[in-house]
Structures are given as structure tokens and as C-alpha cells.
PDB file of N, CA and C in Angstrom:
ATOM      1  N   MET A   1      72.983 129.223 113.739  1.00  0.00           N
ATOM      2  CA  MET A   1      73.988 128.433 114.407  1.00  0.00           C
ATOM      3  C   MET A   1      75.046 129.385 114.956  1.00  0.00           C
ATOM      4  N   GLU A   2      75.361 129.234 116.229  1.00  0.00           N
ATOM      5  CA  GLU A   2      76.406 130.052 116.823  1.00  0.00           C
ATOM      6  C   GLU A   2      77.758 129.414 116.522  1.00  0.00           C
ATOM      7  N   PHE A   3      78.631 130.179 115.957  1.00  0.00           N
ATOM      8  CA  PHE A   3      79.949 129.681 115.593  1.00  0.00           C
ATOM      9  C   PHE A   3      80.960 130.353 116.502  1.00  0.00           C
ATOM     10  N   ASN A   4      81.571 129.576 117.401  1.00  0.00           N
ATOM     11  CA  ASN A   4      82.479 130.203 118.356  1.00  0.00           C
ATOM     12  C   ASN A   4      83.942 130.107 117.923  1.00  0.00           C
ATOM     13  N   LYS A   5      84.796 130.782 118.653  1.00  0.00           N
ATOM     14  CA  LYS A   5      86.213 130.836 118.303  1.00  0.00           C
ATOM     15  C   LYS A   5      86.892 129.479 118.417  1.00  0.00           C
ATOM     16  N   ASN A   6      86.471 128.655 119.377  1.00  0.00           N
ATOM     17  CA  ASN A   6      87.051 127.325 119.520  1.00  0.00           C
ATOM     18  C   ASN A   6      86.731 126.461 118.298  1.00  0.00           C
ATOM     19  N   THR A   7      85.511 126.554 117.803  1.00  0.00           N
ATOM     20  CA  THR A   7      85.129 125.807 116.608  1.00  0.00           C
ATOM     21  C   THR A   7      85.950 126.275 115.413  1.00  0.00           C
ATOM     22  N   LEU A   8      86.158 127.571 115.311  1.00  0.00           N
ATOM     23  CA  LEU A   8      86.987 128.110 114.242  1.00  0.00           C
ATOM     24  C   LEU A   8      88.414 127.573 114.347  1.00  0.00           C
ATOM     25  N   ALA A   9      88.979 127.560 115.542  1.00  0.00           N
ATOM     26  CA  ALA A   9      90.345 127.048 115.738  1.00  0.00           C
ATOM     27  C   ALA A   9      90.425 125.566 115.373  1.00  0.00           C
ATOM     28  N   GLN A  10      89.431 124.782 115.753  1.00  0.00           N
ATOM     29  CA  GLN A  10      89.410 123.356 115.411  1.00  0.00           C
ATOM     30  C   GLN A  10      89.334 123.156 113.901  1.00  0.00           C
ATOM     31  N   THR A  11      88.509 123.952 113.254  1.00  0.00           N
ATOM     32  CA  THR A  11      88.373 123.844 111.805  1.00  0.00           C
ATOM     33  C   THR A  11      89.664 124.244 111.109  1.00  0.00           C
ATOM     34  N   MET A  12      90.295 125.301 111.576  1.00  0.00           N
ATOM     35  CA  MET A  12      91.565 125.731 110.996  1.00  0.00           C
ATOM     36  C   MET A  12      92.643 124.667 111.198  1.00  0.00           C
ATOM     37  N   ALA A  13      92.703 124.067 112.387  1.00  0.00           N
ATOM     38  CA  ALA A  13      93.688 123.016 112.660  1.00  0.00           C
ATOM     39  C   ALA A  13      93.468 121.827 111.724  1.00  0.00           C
ATOM     40  N   PHE A  14      92.222 121.472 111.514  1.00  0.00           N
ATOM     41  CA  PHE A  14      91.889 120.387 110.593  1.00  0.00           C
ATOM     42  C   PHE A  14      92.407 120.715 109.196  1.00  0.00           C
ATOM     43  N   LEU A  15      92.117 121.907 108.711  1.00  0.00           N
ATOM     44  CA  LEU A  15      92.543 122.299 107.371  1.00  0.00           C
ATOM     45  C   LEU A  15      94.062 122.361 107.251  1.00  0.00           C
ATOM     46  N   LEU A  16      94.736 122.848 108.275  1.00  0.00           N
ATOM     47  CA  LEU A  16      96.202 122.926 108.255  1.00  0.00           C
ATOM     48  C   LEU A  16      96.856 121.545 108.249  1.00  0.00           C
ATOM     49  N   SER A  17      96.145 120.532 108.703  1.00  0.00           N
ATOM     50  CA  SER A  17      96.681 119.171 108.797  1.00  0.00           C
ATOM     51  C   SER A  17      96.543 118.382 107.501  1.00  0.00           C
ATOM     52  N   ILE A  18      95.846 118.909 106.533  1.00  0.00           N
ATOM     53  CA  ILE A  18      95.560 118.170 105.302  1.00  0.00           C
ATOM     54  C   ILE A  18      96.640 118.425 104.258  1.00  0.00           C
ATOM     55  N   PRO A  19      97.288 117.365 103.774  1.00  0.00           N
ATOM     56  CA  PRO A  19      98.273 117.554 102.706  1.00  0.00           C
ATOM     57  C   PRO A  19      97.591 118.098 101.444  1.00  0.00           C
ATOM     58  N   PRO A  20      98.166 119.127 100.812  1.00  0.00           N
ATOM     59  CA  PRO A  20      97.498 119.776  99.685  1.00  0.00           C
ATOM     60  C   PRO A  20      97.257 118.881  98.477  1.00  0.00           C
ATOM     61  N   GLU A  21      98.027 117.812  98.321  1.00  0.00           N
ATOM     62  CA  GLU A  21      97.860 116.933  97.159  1.00  0.00           C
ATOM     63  C   GLU A  21      96.902 115.771  97.422  1.00  0.00           C
ATOM     64  N   SER A  22      96.342 115.711  98.610  1.00  0.00           N
ATOM     65  CA  SER A  22      95.474 114.591  98.997  1.00  0.00           C
ATOM     66  C   SER A  22      94.088 114.690  98.368  1.00  0.00           C
ATOM     67  N   ASN A  23      93.410 113.550  98.306  1.00  0.00           N
ATOM     68  CA  ASN A  23      92.033 113.532  97.818  1.00  0.00           C
ATOM     69  C   ASN A  23      91.135 114.379  98.708  1.00  0.00           C
ATOM     70  N   LEU A  24      91.399 114.344  99.990  1.00  0.00           N
ATOM     71  CA  LEU A  24      90.620 115.147 100.928  1.00  0.00           C
ATOM     72  C   LEU A  24      90.759 116.636 100.600  1.00  0.00           C
ATOM     73  N   ALA A  25      91.973 117.074 100.320  1.00  0.00           N
ATOM     74  CA  ALA A  25      92.206 118.475  99.960  1.00  0.00           C
ATOM     75  C   ALA A  25      91.505 118.829  98.653  1.00  0.00           C
ATOM     76  N   LYS A  26      91.528 117.905  97.701  1.00  0.00           N
ATOM     77  CA  LYS A  26      90.872 118.158  96.416  1.00  0.00           C
ATOM     78  C   LYS A  26      89.361 118.309  96.593  1.00  0.00           C
ATOM     79  N   LEU A  27      88.774 117.468  97.427  1.00  0.00           N
ATOM     80  CA  LEU A  27      87.339 117.573  97.681  1.00  0.00           C
ATOM     81  C   LEU A  27      87.011 118.880  98.397  1.00  0.00           C
ATOM     82  N   LEU A  28      87.822 119.229  99.383  1.00  0.00           N
ATOM     83  CA  LEU A  28      87.575 120.471 100.114  1.00  0.00           C
ATOM     84  C   LEU A  28      87.771 121.700  99.226  1.00  0.00           C
ATOM     85  N   LYS A  29      88.730 121.635  98.305  1.00  0.00           N
ATOM     86  CA  LYS A  29      88.920 122.753  97.371  1.00  0.00           C
ATOM     87  C   LYS A  29      87.666 122.932  96.529  1.00  0.00           C
ATOM     88  N   LEU A  30      87.102 121.824  96.056  1.00  0.00           N
ATOM     89  CA  LEU A  30      85.864 121.916  95.290  1.00  0.00           C
ATOM     90  C   LEU A  30      84.775 122.574  96.133  1.00  0.00           C
ATOM     91  N   CYS A  31      84.687 122.179  97.393  1.00  0.00           N
ATOM     92  CA  CYS A  31      83.687 122.769  98.287  1.00  0.00           C
ATOM     93  C   CYS A  31      83.913 124.265  98.461  1.00  0.00           C
ATOM     94  N   LEU A  32      85.167 124.677  98.533  1.00  0.00           N
ATOM     95  CA  LEU A  32      85.485 126.091  98.738  1.00  0.00           C
ATOM     96  C   LEU A  32      85.156 126.957  97.524  1.00  0.00           C
ATOM     97  N   VAL A  33      85.342 126.426  96.330  1.00  0.00           N
ATOM     98  CA  VAL A  33      85.089 127.242  95.135  1.00  0.00           C
ATOM     99  C   VAL A  33      83.639 127.171  94.666  1.00  0.00           C
ATOM    100  N   THR A  34      82.901 126.202  95.154  1.00  0.00           N
ATOM    101  CA  THR A  34      81.516 126.043  94.723  1.00  0.00           C
ATOM    102  C   THR A  34      80.637 127.138  95.313  1.00  0.00           C
ATOM    103  N   GLN A  35      79.808 127.682  94.482  1.00  0.00           N
ATOM    104  CA  GLN A  35      78.852 128.701  94.911  1.00  0.00           C
ATOM    105  C   GLN A  35      77.523 127.997  95.191  1.00  0.00           C
ATOM    106  N   TYR A  36      77.503 127.256  96.285  1.00  0.00           N
ATOM    107  CA  TYR A  36      76.370 126.397  96.623  1.00  0.00           C
ATOM    108  C   TYR A  36      75.131 127.220  96.975  1.00  0.00           C
ATOM    109  N   ASN A  37      74.000 126.816  96.397  1.00  0.00           N
ATOM    110  CA  ASN A  37      72.714 127.434  96.709  1.00  0.00           C
ATOM    111  C   ASN A  37      71.767 126.335  97.182  1.00  0.00           C
ATOM    112  N   GLY A  38      71.716 126.136  98.473  1.00  0.00           N
ATOM    113  CA  GLY A  38      70.897 125.083  99.050  1.00  0.00           C
ATOM    114  C   GLY A  38      69.411 125.265  98.838  1.00  0.00           C
ATOM    115  N   GLU A  39      68.982 126.496  98.643  1.00  0.00           N
ATOM    116  CA  GLU A  39      67.553 126.740  98.420  1.00  0.00           C
ATOM    117  C   GLU A  39      67.067 126.042  97.156  1.00  0.00           C
ATOM    118  N   ASN A  40      67.903 125.994  96.132  1.00  0.00           N
ATOM    119  CA  ASN A  40      67.518 125.330  94.886  1.00  0.00           C
ATOM    120  C   ASN A  40      67.396 123.816  95.047  1.00  0.00           C
ATOM    121  N   LEU A  41      68.100 123.248  96.026  1.00  0.00           N
ATOM    122  CA  LEU A  41      68.060 121.804  96.250  1.00  0.00           C
ATOM    123  C   LEU A  41      67.221 121.419  97.463  1.00  0.00           C
ATOM    124  N   GLY A  42      66.782 122.411  98.222  1.00  0.00           N
ATOM    125  CA  GLY A  42      66.005 122.111  99.423  1.00  0.00           C
ATOM    126  C   GLY A  42      66.836 121.517 100.543  1.00  0.00           C
ATOM    127  N   GLN A  43      68.142 121.769 100.523  1.00  0.00           N
ATOM    128  CA  GLN A  43      69.053 121.267 101.550  1.00  0.00           C
ATOM    129  C   GLN A  43      70.077 122.347 101.872  1.00  0.00           C
ATOM    130  N   ASN A  44      70.302 122.583 103.168  1.00  0.00           N
ATOM    131  CA  ASN A  44      71.379 123.503 103.511  1.00  0.00           C
ATOM    132  C   ASN A  44      72.719 122.788 103.319  1.00  0.00           C
ATOM    133  N   ALA A  45      73.802 123.504 103.480  1.00  0.00           N
ATOM    134  CA  ALA A  45      75.133 122.945 103.220  1.00  0.00           C
ATOM    135  C   ALA A  45      75.444 121.750 104.115  1.00  0.00           C
ATOM    136  N   LEU A  46      75.035 121.796 105.372  1.00  0.00           N
ATOM    137  CA  LEU A  46      75.290 120.675 106.272  1.00  0.00           C
ATOM    138  C   LEU A  46      74.515 119.443 105.824  1.00  0.00           C
ATOM    139  N   GLU A  47      73.263 119.615 105.475  1.00  0.00           N
ATOM    140  CA  GLU A  47      72.455 118.473 105.020  1.00  0.00           C
ATOM    141  C   GLU A  47      73.034 117.862 103.742  1.00  0.00           C
ATOM    142  N   LYS A  48      73.477 118.707 102.825  1.00  0.00           N
ATOM    143  CA  LYS A  48      74.053 118.203 101.574  1.00  0.00           C
ATOM    144  C   LYS A  48      75.362 117.478 101.850  1.00  0.00           C
ATOM    145  N   SER A  49      76.154 117.984 102.771  1.00  0.00           N
ATOM    146  CA  SER A  49      77.415 117.323 103.130  1.00  0.00           C
ATOM    147  C   SER A  49      77.166 115.983 103.809  1.00  0.00           C
ATOM    148  N   GLN A  50      76.189 115.935 104.690  1.00  0.00           N
ATOM    149  CA  GLN A  50      75.851 114.676 105.364  1.00  0.00           C
ATOM    150  C   GLN A  50      75.362 113.634 104.376  1.00  0.00           C
ATOM    151  N   GLU A  51      74.697 114.072 103.326  1.00  0.00           N
ATOM    152  CA  GLU A  51      74.247 113.158 102.284  1.00  0.00           C
ATOM    153  C   GLU A  51      75.438 112.439 101.654  1.00  0.00           C
ATOM    154  N   LEU A  52      76.516 113.172 101.396  1.00  0.00           N
ATOM    155  CA  LEU A  52      77.714 112.560 100.816  1.00  0.00           C
ATOM    156  C   LEU A  52      78.345 111.572 101.786  1.00  0.00           C
ATOM    157  N   ILE A  53      78.384 111.902 103.048  1.00  0.00           N
ATOM    158  CA  ILE A  53      78.984 111.003 104.043  1.00  0.00           C
ATOM    159  C   ILE A  53      78.195 109.698 104.117  1.00  0.00           C
ATOM    160  N   LYS A  54      76.888 109.781 104.018  1.00  0.00           N
ATOM    161  CA  LYS A  54      76.039 108.587 104.073  1.00  0.00           C
ATOM    162  C   LYS A  54      76.154 107.726 102.823  1.00  0.00           C
ATOM    163  N   LYS A  55      76.354 108.373 101.669  1.00  0.00           N
ATOM    164  CA  LYS A  55      76.422 107.657 100.388  1.00  0.00           C
ATOM    165  C   LYS A  55      77.637 108.129  99.589  1.00  0.00           C
ATOM    166  N   PRO A  56      78.843 107.800 100.057  1.00  0.00           N
ATOM    167  CA  PRO A  56      80.047 108.338  99.426  1.00  0.00           C
ATOM    168  C   PRO A  56      80.260 107.894  97.981  1.00  0.00           C
ATOM    169  N   LEU A  57      79.742 106.740  97.614  1.00  0.00           N
ATOM    170  CA  LEU A  57      79.950 106.290  96.238  1.00  0.00           C
ATOM    171  C   LEU A  57      79.114 107.070  95.231  1.00  0.00           C
ATOM    172  N   GLU A  58      78.221 107.907  95.719  1.00  0.00           N
ATOM    173  CA  GLU A  58      77.447 108.777  94.836  1.00  0.00           C
ATOM    174  C   GLU A  58      78.148 110.130  94.644  1.00  0.00           C
ATOM    175  N   LEU A  59      79.450 110.164  94.935  1.00  0.00           N
ATOM    176  CA  LEU A  59      80.240 111.394  94.828  1.00  0.00           C
ATOM    177  C   LEU A  59      80.075 112.100  93.479  1.00  0.00           C
ATOM    178  N   PRO A  60      80.164 111.406  92.334  1.00  0.00           N
ATOM    179  CA  PRO A  60      80.019 112.132  91.061  1.00  0.00           C
ATOM    180  C   PRO A  60      78.668 112.854  90.933  1.00  0.00           C
ATOM    181  N   TYR A  61      77.608 112.213  91.374  1.00  0.00           N
ATOM    182  CA  TYR A  61      76.277 112.829  91.305  1.00  0.00           C
ATOM    183  C   TYR A  61      76.167 113.976  92.307  1.00  0.00           C
ATOM    184  N   TRP A  62      76.772 113.779  93.477  1.00  0.00           N
ATOM    185  CA  TRP A  62      76.775 114.810  94.513  1.00  0.00           C
ATOM    186  C   TRP A  62      77.483 116.056  93.992  1.00  0.00           C
ATOM    187  N   ILE A  63      78.635 115.859  93.359  1.00  0.00           N
ATOM    188  CA  ILE A  63      79.396 116.981  92.811  1.00  0.00           C
ATOM    189  C   ILE A  63      78.556 117.720  91.774  1.00  0.00           C
ATOM    190  N   GLN A  64      77.933 116.965  90.893  1.00  0.00           N
ATOM    191  CA  GLN A  64      77.111 117.578  89.856  1.00  0.00           C
ATOM    192  C   GLN A  64      76.004 118.436  90.468  1.00  0.00           C
ATOM    193  N   GLU A  65      75.312 117.917  91.461  1.00  0.00           N
ATOM    194  CA  GLU A  65      74.244 118.677  92.107  1.00  0.00           C
ATOM    195  C   GLU A  65      74.777 119.931  92.796  1.00  0.00           C
ATOM    196  N   VAL A  66      75.907 119.785  93.474  1.00  0.00           N
ATOM    197  CA  VAL A  66      76.471 120.911  94.228  1.00  0.00           C
ATOM    198  C   VAL A  66      76.912 122.037  93.300  1.00  0.00           C
ATOM    199  N   ILE A  67      77.637 121.686  92.235  1.00  0.00           N
ATOM    200  CA  ILE A  67      78.147 122.762  91.378  1.00  0.00           C
ATOM    201  C   ILE A  67      77.056 123.355  90.486  1.00  0.00           C
ATOM    202  N   GLN A  68      75.969 122.635  90.292  1.00  0.00           N
ATOM    203  CA  GLN A  68      74.867 123.171  89.490  1.00  0.00           C
ATOM    204  C   GLN A  68      73.770 123.789  90.359  1.00  0.00           C
ATOM    205  N   SER A  69      73.950 123.800  91.655  1.00  0.00           N
ATOM    206  CA  SER A  69      72.905 124.267  92.562  1.00  0.00           C
ATOM    207  C   SER A  69      72.530 125.731  92.360  1.00  0.00           C
ATOM    208  N   ASN A  70      73.448 126.523  91.831  1.00  0.00           N
ATOM    209  CA  ASN A  70      73.137 127.936  91.606  1.00  0.00           C
ATOM    210  C   ASN A  70      72.850 128.221  90.133  1.00  0.00           C
ATOM    211  N   ASP A  71      72.574 127.154  89.380  1.00  0.00           N
ATOM    212  CA  ASP A  71      72.186 127.250  87.971  1.00  0.00           C
ATOM    213  C   ASP A  71      73.292 127.737  87.038  1.00  0.00           C
ATOM    214  N   LYS A  72      74.528 127.707  87.505  1.00  0.00           N
ATOM    215  CA  LYS A  72      75.664 128.015  86.632  1.00  0.00           C
ATOM    216  C   LYS A  72      76.887 127.294  87.168  1.00  0.00           C
ATOM    217  N   ILE A  73      77.816 127.032  86.269  1.00  0.00           N
ATOM    218  CA  ILE A  73      79.058 126.371  86.657  1.00  0.00           C
ATOM    219  C   ILE A  73      80.196 127.323  86.305  1.00  0.00           C
ATOM    220  N   THR A  74      81.029 127.611  87.299  1.00  0.00           N
ATOM    221  CA  THR A  74      82.124 128.558  87.082  1.00  0.00           C
ATOM    222  C   THR A  74      83.376 127.829  86.599  1.00  0.00           C
ATOM    223  N   PRO A  75      84.287 128.550  85.965  1.00  0.00           N
ATOM    224  CA  PRO A  75      85.560 127.943  85.563  1.00  0.00           C
ATOM    225  C   PRO A  75      86.327 127.375  86.766  1.00  0.00           C
ATOM    226  N   GLU A  76      86.221 128.036  87.919  1.00  0.00           N
ATOM    227  CA  GLU A  76      86.913 127.551  89.123  1.00  0.00           C
ATOM    228  C   GLU A  76      86.343 126.202  89.581  1.00  0.00           C
ATOM    229  N   GLU A  77      85.043 126.042  89.446  1.00  0.00           N
ATOM    230  CA  GLU A  77      84.420 124.760  89.805  1.00  0.00           C
ATOM    231  C   GLU A  77      84.883 123.649  88.862  1.00  0.00           C
ATOM    232  N   TRP A  78      84.930 123.945  87.558  1.00  0.00           N
ATOM    233  CA  TRP A  78      85.400 122.957  86.591  1.00  0.00           C
ATOM    234  C   TRP A  78      86.857 122.582  86.861  1.00  0.00           C
ATOM    235  N   GLU A  79      87.662 123.583  87.162  1.00  0.00           N
ATOM    236  CA  GLU A  79      89.075 123.334  87.441  1.00  0.00           C
ATOM    237  C   GLU A  79      89.238 122.443  88.672  1.00  0.00           C
ATOM    238  N   ALA A  80      88.527 122.776  89.746  1.00  0.00           N
ATOM    239  CA  ALA A  80      88.618 121.972  90.976  1.00  0.00           C
ATOM    240  C   ALA A  80      88.121 120.552  90.733  1.00  0.00           C
ATOM    241  N   PHE A  81      87.061 120.417  89.971  1.00  0.00           N
ATOM    242  CA  PHE A  81      86.550 119.082  89.633  1.00  0.00           C
ATOM    243  C   PHE A  81      87.589 118.307  88.825  1.00  0.00           C
ATOM    244  N   GLY A  82      88.198 118.954  87.846  1.00  0.00           N
ATOM    245  CA  GLY A  82      89.229 118.299  87.035  1.00  0.00           C
ATOM    246  C   GLY A  82      90.430 117.853  87.855  1.00  0.00           C
ATOM    247  N   GLU A  83      90.813 118.665  88.840  1.00  0.00           N
ATOM    248  CA  GLU A  83      91.956 118.318  89.694  1.00  0.00           C
ATOM    249  C   GLU A  83      91.684 117.080  90.553  1.00  0.00           C
ATOM    250  N   MET A  84      90.409 116.766  90.741  1.00  0.00           N
ATOM    251  CA  MET A  84      90.074 115.576  91.524  1.00  0.00           C
ATOM    252  C   MET A  84      90.441 114.299  90.768  1.00  0.00           C
ATOM    253  N   ASN A  85      90.536 114.390  89.437  1.00  0.00           N
ATOM    254  CA  ASN A  85      90.898 113.238  88.615  1.00  0.00           C
ATOM    255  C   ASN A  85      90.050 112.013  89.013  1.00  0.00           C
ATOM    256  N   LEU A  86      88.772 112.210  89.056  1.00  0.00           N
ATOM    257  CA  LEU A  86      87.825 111.223  89.564  1.00  0.00           C
ATOM    258  C   LEU A  86      87.492 110.201  88.483  1.00  0.00           C
ATOM    259  N   ARG A  87      88.309 109.140  88.428  1.00  0.00           N
ATOM    260  CA  ARG A  87      88.095 108.071  87.453  1.00  0.00           C
ATOM    261  C   ARG A  87      87.433 106.860  88.098  1.00  0.00           C
ATOM    262  N   GLN A  88      87.874 106.526  89.273  1.00  0.00           N
ATOM    263  CA  GLN A  88      87.335 105.387  90.024  1.00  0.00           C
ATOM    264  C   GLN A  88      86.836 105.900  91.371  1.00  0.00           C
ATOM    265  N   THR A  89      85.543 106.044  91.495  1.00  0.00           N
ATOM    266  CA  THR A  89      84.969 106.632  92.703  1.00  0.00           C
ATOM    267  C   THR A  89      85.349 105.842  93.946  1.00  0.00           C
ATOM    268  N   GLN A  90      85.276 104.525  93.880  1.00  0.00           N
ATOM    269  CA  GLN A  90      85.587 103.692  95.046  1.00  0.00           C
ATOM    270  C   GLN A  90      87.023 103.933  95.512  1.00  0.00           C
ATOM    271  N   GLU A  91      87.964 103.973  94.577  1.00  0.00           N
ATOM    272  CA  GLU A  91      89.366 104.210  94.940  1.00  0.00           C
ATOM    273  C   GLU A  91      89.552 105.601  95.535  1.00  0.00           C
ATOM    274  N   PHE A  92      88.901 106.589  94.944  1.00  0.00           N
ATOM    275  CA  PHE A  92      88.997 107.963  95.451  1.00  0.00           C
ATOM    276  C   PHE A  92      88.496 108.032  96.884  1.00  0.00           C
ATOM    277  N   ILE A  93      87.334 107.447  97.134  1.00  0.00           N
ATOM    278  CA  ILE A  93      86.729 107.481  98.470  1.00  0.00           C
ATOM    279  C   ILE A  93      87.557 106.677  99.464  1.00  0.00           C
ATOM    280  N   ASP A  94      88.034 105.496  99.059  1.00  0.00           N
ATOM    281  CA  ASP A  94      88.853 104.680  99.967  1.00  0.00           C
ATOM    282  C   ASP A  94      90.091 105.449 100.415  1.00  0.00           C
ATOM    283  N   LEU A  95      90.754 106.107  99.471  1.00  0.00           N
ATOM    284  CA  LEU A  95      91.944 106.883  99.813  1.00  0.00           C
ATOM    285  C   LEU A  95      91.576 108.088 100.674  1.00  0.00           C
ATOM    286  N   LEU A  96      90.459 108.719 100.384  1.00  0.00           N
ATOM    287  CA  LEU A  96      90.002 109.853 101.180  1.00  0.00           C
ATOM    288  C   LEU A  96      89.771 109.435 102.631  1.00  0.00           C
ATOM    289  N   TRP A  97      89.098 108.305 102.863  1.00  0.00           N
ATOM    290  CA  TRP A  97      88.864 107.824 104.239  1.00  0.00           C
ATOM    291  C   TRP A  97      90.186 107.507 104.925  1.00  0.00           C
ATOM    292  N   GLU A  98      91.123 106.910 104.178  1.00  0.00           N
ATOM    293  CA  GLU A  98      92.438 106.598 104.746  1.00  0.00           C
ATOM    294  C   GLU A  98      93.167 107.879 105.151  1.00  0.00           C
ATOM    295  N   GLU A  99      93.112 108.878 104.298  1.00  0.00           N
ATOM    296  CA  GLU A  99      93.749 110.161 104.604  1.00  0.00           C
ATOM    297  C   GLU A  99      93.115 110.785 105.846  1.00  0.00           C
ATOM    298  N   LEU A 100      91.822 110.700 105.934  1.00  0.00           N
ATOM    299  CA  LEU A 100      91.107 111.253 107.093  1.00  0.00           C
ATOM    300  C   LEU A 100      91.529 110.537 108.370  1.00  0.00           C
ATOM    301  N   ASP A 101      91.635 109.208 108.308  1.00  0.00           N
ATOM    302  CA  ASP A 101      92.041 108.423 109.471  1.00  0.00           C
ATOM    303  C   ASP A 101      93.485 108.731 109.908  1.00  0.00           C
ATOM    304  N   ASN A 102      94.320 109.122 108.963  1.00  0.00           N
ATOM    305  CA  ASN A 102      95.734 109.354 109.258  1.00  0.00           C
ATOM    306  C   ASN A 102      96.072 110.787 109.643  1.00  0.00           C
ATOM    307  N   LEU A 103      95.090 111.668 109.673  1.00  0.00           N
ATOM    308  CA  LEU A 103      95.363 113.056 110.039  1.00  0.00           C
ATOM    309  C   LEU A 103      95.874 113.147 111.480  1.00  0.00           C
ATOM    310  N   LYS A 104      96.840 113.981 111.655  1.00  0.00           N
ATOM    311  CA  LYS A 104      97.404 114.234 112.990  1.00  0.00           C
ATOM    312  C   LYS A 104      96.968 115.613 113.441  1.00  0.00           C
ATOM    313  N   LEU A 105      96.000 115.632 114.326  1.00  0.00           N
ATOM    314  CA  LEU A 105      95.491 116.930 114.817  1.00  0.00           C
ATOM    315  C   LEU A 105      96.058 117.248 116.175  1.00  0.00           C
TER     316      LEU A 105
END
């Protein structure tokens, strides 16, 4: 995949627009610290991410698969997962979608 400078700028603008205490930020932090190995799951990172978008209520299972994809779980992954405070998946996802809709890019 060719990754150009405009795509990088768009991605950076998106990240700069996210409030650090938001559910969206917590999910992205987990993604950043995870040492994802798509070969073990038969899915590249984009395919695994699209799976979550299609079935957001399976977030707890998705997280488990992602952080275990490299056959080990790091302290940083556990910390990021804990910061998500994921007690009610539906509420977490509903707020995440609302935050996404309210981003000012």
C-alpha cells in the first residue's frame, strides 16, 4: 500500500482532534500499544479493524484476539485495556460513535 504525505496529514489531523479522555482515544491507545501479529490470526491490521467496525459489540472478544495475536500480553496492553474501563460494551460503543460524529476536522 502506498502511503502518501496527504494521508499522513489527514491521519495526524484526526488524531489531534481526539480528546485524550474519550473512549475513542482509549481504543486508539490500545491499538498503538498492541503488538499485533496478523499472521497468527490470518488477518492483516485493516481486515481486523474492519471486523470491529462491522461487529462493534464484539469489542471485548476483538480486544482479546488483538492483544493475544503475538502469543504474549504486555503490561502496556493490560494498562491500556484497563484504562478503557469496559464494563458495558454497548455504552462504550455508543459513546465512541458519538465522539466520532462530533469530531471537528
